[in-house]
Amino acid sequence: MIDTELYAMVRQHKKNGFSMRKTAKILSMSRNTVKRYWDGAHTPDEKKAYPAHIDSLQKELVVAALEKYYEDNKEQLSGKQSINAKTAWEAIRETYTVGESTVRRYVREMKDKHPEGFIPLSFEPGEVMQVDWCEIKVNICGHIWKAPVFCAVLPYSYGIFAMIMPNMKMPCFIEANIEAFTFFRGVVQRVFYDNLKTAVLSGSGKNAVKQERFRMLEAHYAFEAVFMNPNSGNEKGAVENLCSLIRQVAFTPIPKGNNLKEIQEQVLRRCLDYNRFHKIRDRKRPIAPMLEEERLRLMPLPLKPFSAYAEEDAVVGSDLTFRYNATKYSTPQEFIGKTVTVHATSYQIEAWYKGSLVCTHTRPFIKGEHQYRPEHYLPLLEMKPRAIPNAAPLKYGVLPPELEKFRSLNQSKDKFEQLANVLMLGRHIDAQILLQAVDYANRTGSPTFDSVRFYLEAHKLSIDNHDQAITDVADLVVVDKPQLVEYDILFRTGDDDE
């Protein structure tokens, strides 16, 4: 093969009357090469058309065996224990002498012969919501964790919703569906699910058998659940790209928080901003007006929300705690030995006893991160003061930010005793006033129980004298203005000496 420049020179020599022999000598080329390009019957960029490869009889037999193997095991083409080229080779290697790499090539050729096409889908306003799960990374208390996220999209407007969850079990799945309907302010006619095992008892696609709890949700919100076939991205439309979109929009940069509830607040803000300001390429209108149009076509929410919490009975131990999902939660002392009913949602744990709410805790993401409320232990600490220095509820208990900062800044040897004394003040003083006093004490950089009590007394004095609360620490200090005229005497004394 020659390049374009040489080819042009060969053609020019022909045009100028040179012979092929002389042209070959001038251009240092073989006469056969000059002859090939002399009359323009060929060009340098031509590729030789080789005849189609004829498969050997051995290959035809192996391919036929592979096709039979895949046909006999077509129900195992997806999932964690799905068949593949390696398992196919293991199945036929006793019958045919063929290498694993050769079988892989044959399987790849078989797939290339039958490429799958799909039809683009279009939906009407309020017709469909598409749902899937994805896994993301979040920063909880300074550490990076992986967490599941429920993703939803309205394919007409492309409005999105995401909710970070502690797990993908049925209660969380139901709660996420309810929150999505609430976020979009209505219910669609159909919801497309990616064959989620959470909602499916058995089967898949159109043969899926739904879980009873999920059927109740479907009935209460009057929508139709449609389960997609495995490996059928064409049936899902927009949701196939939803997970990557959610990661980019709602979780980049990685959100930070002390618990899932704080992170979810950031996620919702990012979803709202995306829905308000974004415009999909190749669409005439932004998401916001199309979402408002779609909301008008959604079915109204039921008057009473569906109960999404997980319910479980637990016995309160002598350490004033009950256990749920490998984590302890404290209760008041009077419930020792009693059986409470636990209502667990994605972000909150409630304990109920005989129809009355006993206590509420924020649900931690990390198992074993026990939730002690120090105020639950105050009566016991009064009875057993020697336990105060080592009391876990005082060391690691859940506190408001002001008291958390007090515990961190206080450097006294008896810091936990001081913390207990501050908490005991809350029995007789309004919580807001107490936390304000703790905040003032924290501003000194080294808060103590005495400084908190000082600000409380100053607050009481301010109320008594001025009928108003202290608004600044400076209000507590009174500075007398000096009479500058008194310094004139010093100047007069100096003049007398001269």
Foldseek 3Di string as FASTA:
>chain_A
DDDPVLLVQLQVCLVVPHDLVVSCVVVVHDSVVSVVSNVPPDDPPDDDDDDDDDDDPLLVVLLVQLVVVCVVQVVQCDDPRRDDLVVSCVVCCVPHVDDSVVSNVSVVVVDVVDDDDFDADADDQLAEKEKDKDWDWAAAPNDIDIWIKIWIADVHLRQIDIATFLDDAQLAVLVVVLVVCVVLQFHGQEYEYAQDPRQFPDDFFPPTHGDPVVVVSCVQRVHHYGYHGPPCPSVRHPVVCRVVVLCVQQQVPHYYDNARVVSRVSSVVSSVVQQVDAADPPDPDHSVVSSVVSSVVGHHHDPDDDQSWDKDKFAQACVQWTDDQQETEHFANVRHGHIWIWTDYRFKIWTHDPRHTGDIDTDHSDHHLYEAQVLSCLVVCVVVVVCQLPDCCLVRHDDPPLLVLLLVQAPDPNSSVQSSVLSVVVVPDPPVLLSVLSNQQVVVSHRTSVSSVVQSVLQVVCCVPPVDGDPDPVVSDDDDDDDCVVCVVVVVVVVVVD
